[in-house]
């Protein structure tokens, strides 16, 4: 029987030698040490929500889905430690019971927290940063099977590089994250013609904790979503988007069940609307058949080496396409526009950039690889895509 692994969207598959479901840290350590000794590759699979070729390998796909739950939390210090295989949706209630919450999260909560951190996944908000920037420590199994804790004071060079690690440094089994006191949110959704929305975007970004919209090309209308903190009590049952008041983990995520592929780039926020105008013109002119939405969000600058928001406030613009429909022509055309605006791709979504091109747009690219190669000189944690960027 041929063993096959596939991501959530089904656009990336592989035939590994094994898919290993680990249940203990000692099991992970033994697996990794053995793989390194025989020259095999190990790639960790989270929930498979990445659209890029990050997991596929002919070696071992490591499943950490049994590594789930909150290990502990320190509300006074503003930290919580969680197992890296935890699906984000599983963390909200346990963290709230301890009086804390993630500062932000994306509008999908079906990813594993380890995978979301590894790829710099984010939500939206002019003053809010991605999940990688919330990491204050990580427990990592390295290529020789050692278990190390990395933080600003323990292996600080490794920690600085590996907050966004693409699975290339080791197996992250647990994460300590900066959290905040639990809080409630209320959201509002309206449908708006794009022409009337366009002049209001900057003011709306400034006015709300979270603001985003989905522009639908076929109708030239947008679903506009704003979310703000509230002192109001939760209203149960939690309603659909636009009718929700509840704890942050109840309001931020949406139910995205339609499988799709996606390209997303982060561009400097000051030029993002000009970029969006070009994307809109491109789609209406050259791809009038596209019916999936174009999404616009904002993200605050951070100091995470490979973050698309490293050193600059950005807006992220993403295009989607349904499974089974052609995506490469429109995605490549959009990528050419993003490149003109100094865009950086989301690591977990489709892009076509070479290692040389990525080096040009990420100031710490060479530094990141230098630390990575020190930690894993044998390349245990590199698949073909990552090795091609080296």
Protein backbone atom coordinates (compact mmCIF):
# COMPACT_ATOMS: atom_id res chain seq x y z
CA UNK A 1 0.00 0.00 0.00
CA UNK A 2 1.33 3.45 -0.95
CA UNK A 3 1.18 5.91 1.93
CA UNK A 4 0.01 9.41 0.97
CA UNK A 5 -0.11 12.62 2.98
CA UNK A 6 -2.16 15.61 1.83
CA UNK A 7 -2.69 19.11 3.16
CA UNK A 8 -6.15 20.52 3.95
CA UNK A 9 -6.62 22.07 0.51
CA UNK A 10 -5.36 18.99 -1.32
CA UNK A 11 -2.95 21.00 -3.48
CA UNK A 12 0.15 19.53 -1.80
CA UNK A 13 0.71 15.81 -1.37
CA UNK A 14 3.60 13.44 -0.77
CA UNK A 15 4.41 9.75 -0.34
CA UNK A 16 6.53 9.65 2.84
CA UNK A 17 8.24 6.58 4.20
CA UNK A 18 6.07 6.95 7.31
CA UNK A 19 3.53 9.15 9.07
CA UNK A 20 4.46 8.86 12.73
CA UNK A 21 1.93 9.87 15.40
CA UNK A 22 3.93 10.81 18.49
CA UNK A 23 2.37 10.90 21.94
CA UNK A 24 5.34 11.70 24.19
CA UNK A 25 8.39 13.93 24.01
CA UNK A 26 10.62 10.86 24.44
CA UNK A 27 9.01 9.34 21.35
CA UNK A 28 9.78 12.48 19.36
CA UNK A 29 13.37 12.48 20.59
CA UNK A 30 13.92 8.87 19.59
CA UNK A 31 12.31 9.35 16.18
CA UNK A 32 14.38 12.43 15.35
CA UNK A 33 17.68 10.94 16.53
CA UNK A 34 17.05 7.83 14.46
CA UNK A 35 16.12 9.81 11.35
CA UNK A 36 19.26 11.94 11.61
CA UNK A 37 21.44 8.86 12.03
CA UNK A 38 20.14 7.30 8.82
CA UNK A 39 19.97 10.55 6.83
CA UNK A 40 16.16 10.79 6.66
CA UNK A 41 14.12 13.98 6.69
CA UNK A 42 11.52 14.83 9.35
CA UNK A 43 8.76 17.34 8.66
CA UNK A 44 6.08 18.18 11.21
CA UNK A 45 2.47 18.34 10.05
CA UNK A 46 0.08 20.49 12.00
CA UNK A 47 -3.49 20.74 10.76
CA UNK A 48 -2.30 20.93 7.16
CA UNK A 49 -3.73 24.39 6.54
CA UNK A 50 -0.64 25.67 4.73
CA UNK A 51 -1.11 25.97 0.97
CA UNK A 52 2.64 25.97 0.36
CA UNK A 53 4.96 22.96 0.06
CA UNK A 54 6.22 23.05 3.62
CA UNK A 55 5.38 19.55 4.88
CA UNK A 56 5.84 17.20 1.88
CA UNK A 57 8.82 14.88 2.22
CA UNK A 58 9.90 11.40 1.21
CA UNK A 59 11.09 10.92 4.80
CA UNK A 60 8.91 11.03 7.92
CA UNK A 61 5.83 13.20 8.39
CA UNK A 62 5.52 13.72 12.14
CA UNK A 63 2.01 14.16 13.55
CA UNK A 64 1.88 16.06 16.88
CA UNK A 65 -1.91 16.12 17.21
CA UNK A 66 -1.66 14.25 20.53
CA UNK A 67 0.39 17.14 21.96
CA UNK A 68 -2.63 19.19 22.93
CA UNK A 69 -3.78 21.37 25.80
CA UNK A 70 -2.70 24.13 28.15
CA UNK A 71 0.27 23.15 30.30
CA UNK A 72 0.12 26.14 32.62
CA UNK A 73 -0.57 29.86 32.73
CA UNK A 74 0.76 32.77 34.78
CA UNK A 75 -1.74 35.63 34.57
CA UNK A 76 0.53 37.90 36.62
CA UNK A 77 3.40 37.41 34.20
CA UNK A 78 1.08 37.45 31.19
CA UNK A 79 2.25 34.09 29.83
CA UNK A 80 0.79 30.68 29.05
CA UNK A 81 2.51 27.47 27.98
CA UNK A 82 0.72 25.17 25.57
CA UNK A 83 1.48 21.97 23.69
CA UNK A 84 2.38 22.78 20.09
CA UNK A 85 -0.07 20.33 18.54
CA UNK A 86 -3.05 22.12 20.09
CA UNK A 87 -5.62 23.28 17.57
CA UNK A 88 -6.16 26.98 18.24
CA UNK A 89 -9.89 26.39 18.73
CA UNK A 90 -9.09 24.08 21.65
CA UNK A 91 -7.17 26.74 23.58
CA UNK A 92 -9.77 29.46 24.00
CA UNK A 93 -11.91 27.96 26.74
CA UNK A 94 -9.05 26.55 28.88
CA UNK A 95 -7.16 29.85 28.69
CA UNK A 96 -10.30 31.82 29.60
CA UNK A 97 -10.87 29.54 32.59
CA UNK A 98 -7.41 30.66 33.75
CA UNK A 99 -8.33 34.32 33.16
CA UNK A 100 -6.23 34.92 30.03
CA UNK A 101 -6.52 34.96 26.25
CA UNK A 102 -4.44 35.20 23.11
CA UNK A 103 -3.96 38.87 22.23
CA UNK A 104 -5.05 38.13 18.68
CA UNK A 105 -5.72 35.25 16.35
CA UNK A 106 -6.80 34.74 12.76
CA UNK A 107 -10.27 34.25 11.37
CA UNK A 108 -9.64 30.50 11.13
CA UNK A 109 -8.92 28.61 14.35
CA UNK A 110 -8.51 25.10 12.93
CA UNK A 111 -4.72 25.32 12.58
CA UNK A 112 -2.39 23.93 15.21
CA UNK A 113 -0.76 26.64 17.30
CA UNK A 114 2.66 25.19 16.41
CA UNK A 115 2.00 25.43 12.68
CA UNK A 116 0.51 28.91 12.97
CA UNK A 117 3.61 30.14 14.82
CA UNK A 118 5.95 28.37 12.39
CA UNK A 119 4.45 30.26 9.43
CA UNK A 120 3.78 33.69 10.98
CA UNK A 121 0.00 33.34 10.82
CA UNK A 122 -1.90 36.44 11.94
CA UNK A 123 -5.23 38.14 12.37
CA UNK A 124 -5.95 41.77 11.68
CA UNK A 125 -5.55 45.01 13.64
CA UNK A 126 -3.49 48.16 13.15
CA UNK A 127 -1.77 47.71 16.55
CA UNK A 128 -1.68 43.91 16.65
CA UNK A 129 1.13 41.59 15.57
CA UNK A 130 1.34 38.02 14.32
CA UNK A 131 1.37 34.89 16.47
CA UNK A 132 5.13 34.36 16.09
CA UNK A 133 5.78 37.67 17.85
CA UNK A 134 3.88 36.38 20.92
CA UNK A 135 6.36 33.54 21.52
CA UNK A 136 8.51 34.07 24.62
CA UNK A 137 9.97 30.55 24.86
CA UNK A 138 9.86 27.23 23.02
CA UNK A 139 10.77 23.64 23.85
CA UNK A 140 12.55 22.11 20.85
CA UNK A 141 13.81 18.64 19.97
CA UNK A 142 16.95 19.16 17.89
CA UNK A 143 18.46 16.93 15.21
CA UNK A 144 20.44 14.74 17.64
CA UNK A 145 17.35 14.11 19.79
CA UNK A 146 18.23 16.63 22.51
CA UNK A 147 15.44 18.61 24.17
CA UNK A 148 16.29 22.32 24.57
CA UNK A 149 14.43 25.36 25.80
CA UNK A 150 14.97 28.49 23.75
CA UNK A 151 14.13 31.98 24.98
CA UNK A 152 15.63 35.46 25.19
CA UNK A 153 17.94 34.15 27.94
CA UNK A 154 18.41 30.48 26.93
CA UNK A 155 20.01 29.98 23.51
CA UNK A 156 18.97 33.54 22.59
CA UNK A 157 20.44 33.36 19.07
CA UNK A 158 18.37 30.28 18.27
CA UNK A 159 15.28 31.83 19.84
CA UNK A 160 15.61 35.05 17.85
CA UNK A 161 15.80 33.16 14.58
CA UNK A 162 13.27 30.43 15.33
CA UNK A 163 10.22 32.37 16.44
CA UNK A 164 9.19 31.95 12.80
CA UNK A 165 10.97 28.73 11.94
CA UNK A 166 9.12 26.97 9.07
CA UNK A 167 9.78 23.67 10.83
CA UNK A 168 13.43 23.92 9.81
CA UNK A 169 15.17 24.14 13.22
CA UNK A 170 13.74 21.14 15.05
CA UNK A 171 10.49 19.79 16.42
CA UNK A 172 8.79 22.41 18.59
CA UNK A 173 6.80 20.44 21.15
CA UNK A 174 5.65 23.28 23.45
CA UNK A 175 5.34 27.06 23.27
CA UNK A 176 5.22 29.75 25.94
CA UNK A 177 3.18 32.68 24.64
CA UNK A 178 2.53 36.21 25.81
CA UNK A 179 -1.15 36.48 26.70
CA UNK A 180 -3.44 39.15 28.16
CA UNK A 181 -6.40 39.17 30.55
CA UNK A 182 -9.48 37.56 29.01
CA UNK A 183 -11.63 40.05 27.12
CA UNK A 184 -14.88 40.29 25.21
CA UNK A 185 -15.55 41.47 21.67
CA UNK A 186 -18.49 42.47 19.52
CA UNK A 187 -18.45 42.39 15.74
CA UNK A 188 -20.33 44.13 12.95
CA UNK A 189 -20.58 43.09 9.30
CA UNK A 190 -22.06 45.14 6.48
CA UNK A 191 -22.20 44.76 2.71
CA UNK A 192 -20.97 47.81 0.86
CA UNK A 193 -20.34 48.82 -2.74
CA UNK A 194 -16.59 49.03 -3.27
CA UNK A 195 -16.67 52.56 -4.68
CA UNK A 196 -18.22 53.87 -1.46
CA UNK A 197 -15.93 51.73 0.73
CA UNK A 198 -12.62 52.80 -0.86
CA UNK A 199 -12.46 56.38 0.55
CA UNK A 200 -13.27 55.16 4.09
CA UNK A 201 -10.71 52.38 4.49
CA UNK A 202 -7.93 54.28 6.26
CA UNK A 203 -10.33 55.91 8.72
CA UNK A 204 -11.98 52.57 9.48
CA UNK A 205 -8.62 50.88 10.10
CA UNK A 206 -7.81 53.63 12.60
CA UNK A 207 -11.22 53.51 14.28
CA UNK A 208 -11.46 49.81 15.13
CA UNK A 209 -9.40 47.22 16.98
CA UNK A 210 -9.97 44.89 14.05
CA UNK A 211 -11.02 45.91 10.56
CA UNK A 212 -10.98 43.87 7.36
CA UNK A 213 -12.99 43.34 4.23
CA UNK A 214 -13.55 40.80 1.49
CA UNK A 215 -14.04 42.29 -1.97
CA UNK A 216 -16.12 40.08 -4.30
CA UNK A 217 -15.06 40.76 -7.90
CA UNK A 218 -18.21 39.60 -9.65
CA UNK A 219 -20.43 42.02 -7.76
CA UNK A 220 -17.83 44.71 -6.98
CA UNK A 221 -19.12 44.68 -3.41
CA UNK A 222 -17.37 43.97 -0.14
CA UNK A 223 -18.21 42.22 3.09
CA UNK A 224 -16.82 44.69 5.63
CA UNK A 225 -16.09 43.46 9.15
CA UNK A 226 -15.16 45.47 12.25
CA UNK A 227 -14.60 44.09 15.74
CA UNK A 228 -14.07 46.03 18.98
CA UNK A 229 -13.71 45.31 22.67
CA UNK A 230 -16.86 45.53 24.75
CA UNK A 231 -17.98 45.31 28.36
CA UNK A 232 -21.27 43.75 27.27
CA UNK A 233 -22.03 40.24 28.43
CA UNK A 234 -21.80 37.44 25.86
CA UNK A 235 -25.01 36.69 23.99
CA UNK A 236 -25.69 32.99 23.51
CA UNK A 237 -25.98 31.18 21.27
CA UNK A 238 -23.14 32.96 19.48
CA UNK A 239 -24.66 34.28 16.27
CA UNK A 240 -23.30 34.49 12.74
CA UNK A 241 -20.74 37.08 11.70
CA UNK A 242 -22.07 40.56 12.42
CA UNK A 243 -24.27 39.41 15.28
CA UNK A 244 -21.75 38.21 17.83
CA UNK A 245 -20.92 39.40 21.32
CA UNK A 246 -18.73 37.06 23.33
CA UNK A 247 -15.28 36.21 24.57
CA UNK A 248 -12.47 36.90 22.11
CA UNK A 249 -12.07 33.25 21.14
CA UNK A 250 -15.79 33.07 20.34
CA UNK A 251 -15.88 36.15 18.11
CA UNK A 252 -12.57 36.26 16.22
CA UNK A 253 -12.80 32.98 14.28
CA UNK A 254 -15.22 32.30 11.45
CA UNK A 255 -16.38 29.02 9.98
CA UNK A 256 -14.46 28.65 6.70
CA UNK A 257 -15.39 25.22 5.37
CA UNK A 258 -15.03 25.67 1.60
CA UNK A 259 -11.67 24.31 0.53
CA UNK A 260 -9.53 26.69 -1.44
CA UNK A 261 -6.02 27.78 -2.30
CA UNK A 262 -4.72 31.22 -1.44
CA UNK A 263 -1.91 33.68 -2.10
CA UNK A 264 -1.22 36.49 0.36
CA UNK A 265 1.37 39.24 0.40
CA UNK A 266 2.18 41.85 3.03
CA UNK A 267 2.94 45.28 1.57
CA UNK A 268 3.83 48.51 3.37
CA UNK A 269 0.59 49.92 4.72
CA UNK A 270 1.19 53.36 3.25
CA UNK A 271 1.15 51.98 -0.31
CA UNK A 272 -1.32 49.17 0.29
CA UNK A 273 -4.39 50.86 -1.15
CA UNK A 274 -2.57 51.71 -4.36
CA UNK A 275 -1.54 48.04 -4.54
CA UNK A 276 -5.11 46.97 -3.90
CA UNK A 277 -6.32 49.25 -6.70
CA UNK A 278 -3.94 47.50 -9.09
CA UNK A 279 -5.07 44.06 -7.92
CA UNK A 280 -8.70 45.07 -8.44
CA UNK A 281 -7.95 46.38 -11.93
CA UNK A 282 -5.99 43.21 -12.74
CA UNK A 283 -8.80 40.89 -11.68
CA UNK A 284 -11.55 42.84 -13.43
CA UNK A 285 -9.52 43.17 -16.63
CA UNK A 286 -7.76 39.82 -16.98
CA UNK A 287 -9.63 37.40 -14.70
CA UNK A 288 -13.31 38.39 -14.81
CA UNK A 289 -14.28 34.77 -14.08
CA UNK A 290 -12.79 34.93 -10.54
CA UNK A 291 -15.58 34.79 -7.99
CA UNK A 292 -13.61 34.12 -4.81
CA UNK A 293 -12.91 37.21 -2.67
CA UNK A 294 -9.86 39.41 -2.27
CA UNK A 295 -9.15 40.08 1.42
CA UNK A 296 -7.56 43.18 3.00
CA UNK A 297 -6.19 43.24 6.57
CA UNK A 298 -3.63 45.25 8.55
CA UNK A 299 -0.78 44.10 10.79
CA UNK A 300 1.63 45.92 13.08
CA UNK A 301 5.41 45.83 12.64
CA UNK A 302 7.46 43.29 14.59
CA UNK A 303 11.07 42.14 15.06
CA UNK A 304 10.63 38.50 14.00
CA UNK A 305 13.37 37.82 11.46
CA UNK A 306 11.32 36.18 8.71
CA UNK A 307 8.04 37.90 9.45
CA UNK A 308 6.37 39.60 6.48
CA UNK A 309 5.87 42.51 8.92
CA UNK A 310 9.52 42.63 10.05
CA UNK A 311 10.39 46.28 10.66
CA UNK A 312 7.28 47.79 9.07
CA UNK A 313 3.53 48.17 9.47
CA UNK A 314 1.83 46.29 6.65
CA UNK A 315 -1.46 45.47 5.04
CA UNK A 316 -1.99 41.96 3.79
CA UNK A 317 -3.85 41.37 0.54
CA UNK A 318 -4.91 37.86 -0.39
CA UNK A 319 -6.59 36.21 -3.34
CA UNK A 320 -8.43 32.90 -3.18
CA UNK A 321 -9.49 30.25 -5.64
CA UNK A 322 -11.71 27.21 -5.25
CA UNK A 323 -10.28 23.69 -5.37
CA UNK A 324 -10.32 22.34 -8.91
CA UNK A 325 -10.33 25.80 -10.48
CA UNK A 326 -7.22 27.29 -12.12
CA UNK A 327 -5.24 29.34 -9.63
CA UNK A 328 -1.70 29.70 -10.99
CA UNK A 329 -2.41 32.26 -13.76
CA UNK A 330 -4.17 34.74 -11.46
CA UNK A 331 -1.80 34.07 -8.54
CA UNK A 332 1.31 34.66 -10.68
CA UNK A 333 -0.17 37.84 -12.13
CA UNK A 334 -1.03 39.10 -8.64
CA UNK A 335 2.44 38.20 -7.37
CA UNK A 336 3.98 40.42 -10.05
CA UNK A 337 1.90 43.33 -8.72
CA UNK A 338 2.87 42.58 -5.12
CA UNK A 339 6.54 42.47 -6.10
CA UNK A 340 6.34 46.03 -7.42
CA UNK A 341 5.10 47.12 -4.00
CA UNK A 342 7.93 45.46 -2.06
CA UNK A 343 5.62 42.69 -0.92
CA UNK A 344 6.61 39.70 1.20
CA UNK A 345 4.65 36.44 0.89
CA UNK A 346 2.83 34.66 3.67
CA UNK A 347 4.87 31.52 4.36
CA UNK A 348 1.84 29.24 4.61
CA UNK A 349 0.23 30.30 1.35
CA UNK A 350 0.99 29.92 -2.34
CA UNK A 351 3.91 31.87 -3.75
CA UNK A 352 6.52 31.30 -6.43
CA UNK A 353 9.56 33.14 -5.07
CA UNK A 354 13.04 31.65 -5.32
CA UNK A 355 15.58 31.65 -2.51
CA UNK A 356 17.45 34.51 -4.21
CA UNK A 357 14.26 36.56 -4.45
CA UNK A 358 13.37 35.85 -0.81
CA UNK A 359 16.86 36.95 0.25
CA UNK A 360 16.28 40.32 -1.41
CA UNK A 361 13.09 41.07 0.51
CA UNK A 362 13.97 39.65 3.96
CA UNK A 363 16.78 41.64 5.62
CA UNK A 364 17.64 38.83 8.07
CA UNK A 365 17.49 35.98 5.53
CA UNK A 366 21.22 35.17 5.65
CA UNK A 367 21.28 35.43 9.46
CA UNK A 368 18.29 33.08 9.74
CA UNK A 369 19.96 30.45 7.58
CA UNK A 370 23.27 30.77 9.44
CA UNK A 371 21.60 29.97 12.77
CA UNK A 372 19.45 27.24 11.23
CA UNK A 373 22.45 25.48 9.69
CA UNK A 374 24.26 25.58 13.04
CA UNK A 375 21.32 23.88 14.76
CA UNK A 376 20.70 21.32 12.01
CA UNK A 377 23.87 20.91 9.92
CA UNK A 378 22.73 17.56 8.53
CA UNK A 379 19.52 18.99 7.08
CA UNK A 380 17.21 16.64 8.98
CA UNK A 381 14.44 19.25 8.97
CA UNK A 382 14.71 20.42 5.35
CA UNK A 383 12.41 19.19 2.60
CA UNK A 384 13.00 19.84 -1.10
CA UNK A 385 11.33 23.25 -1.10
CA UNK A 386 13.26 24.60 1.87
CA UNK A 387 16.53 23.16 0.56
CA UNK A 388 15.96 24.95 -2.75
CA UNK A 389 15.90 28.30 -0.89
CA UNK A 390 19.15 27.63 0.99
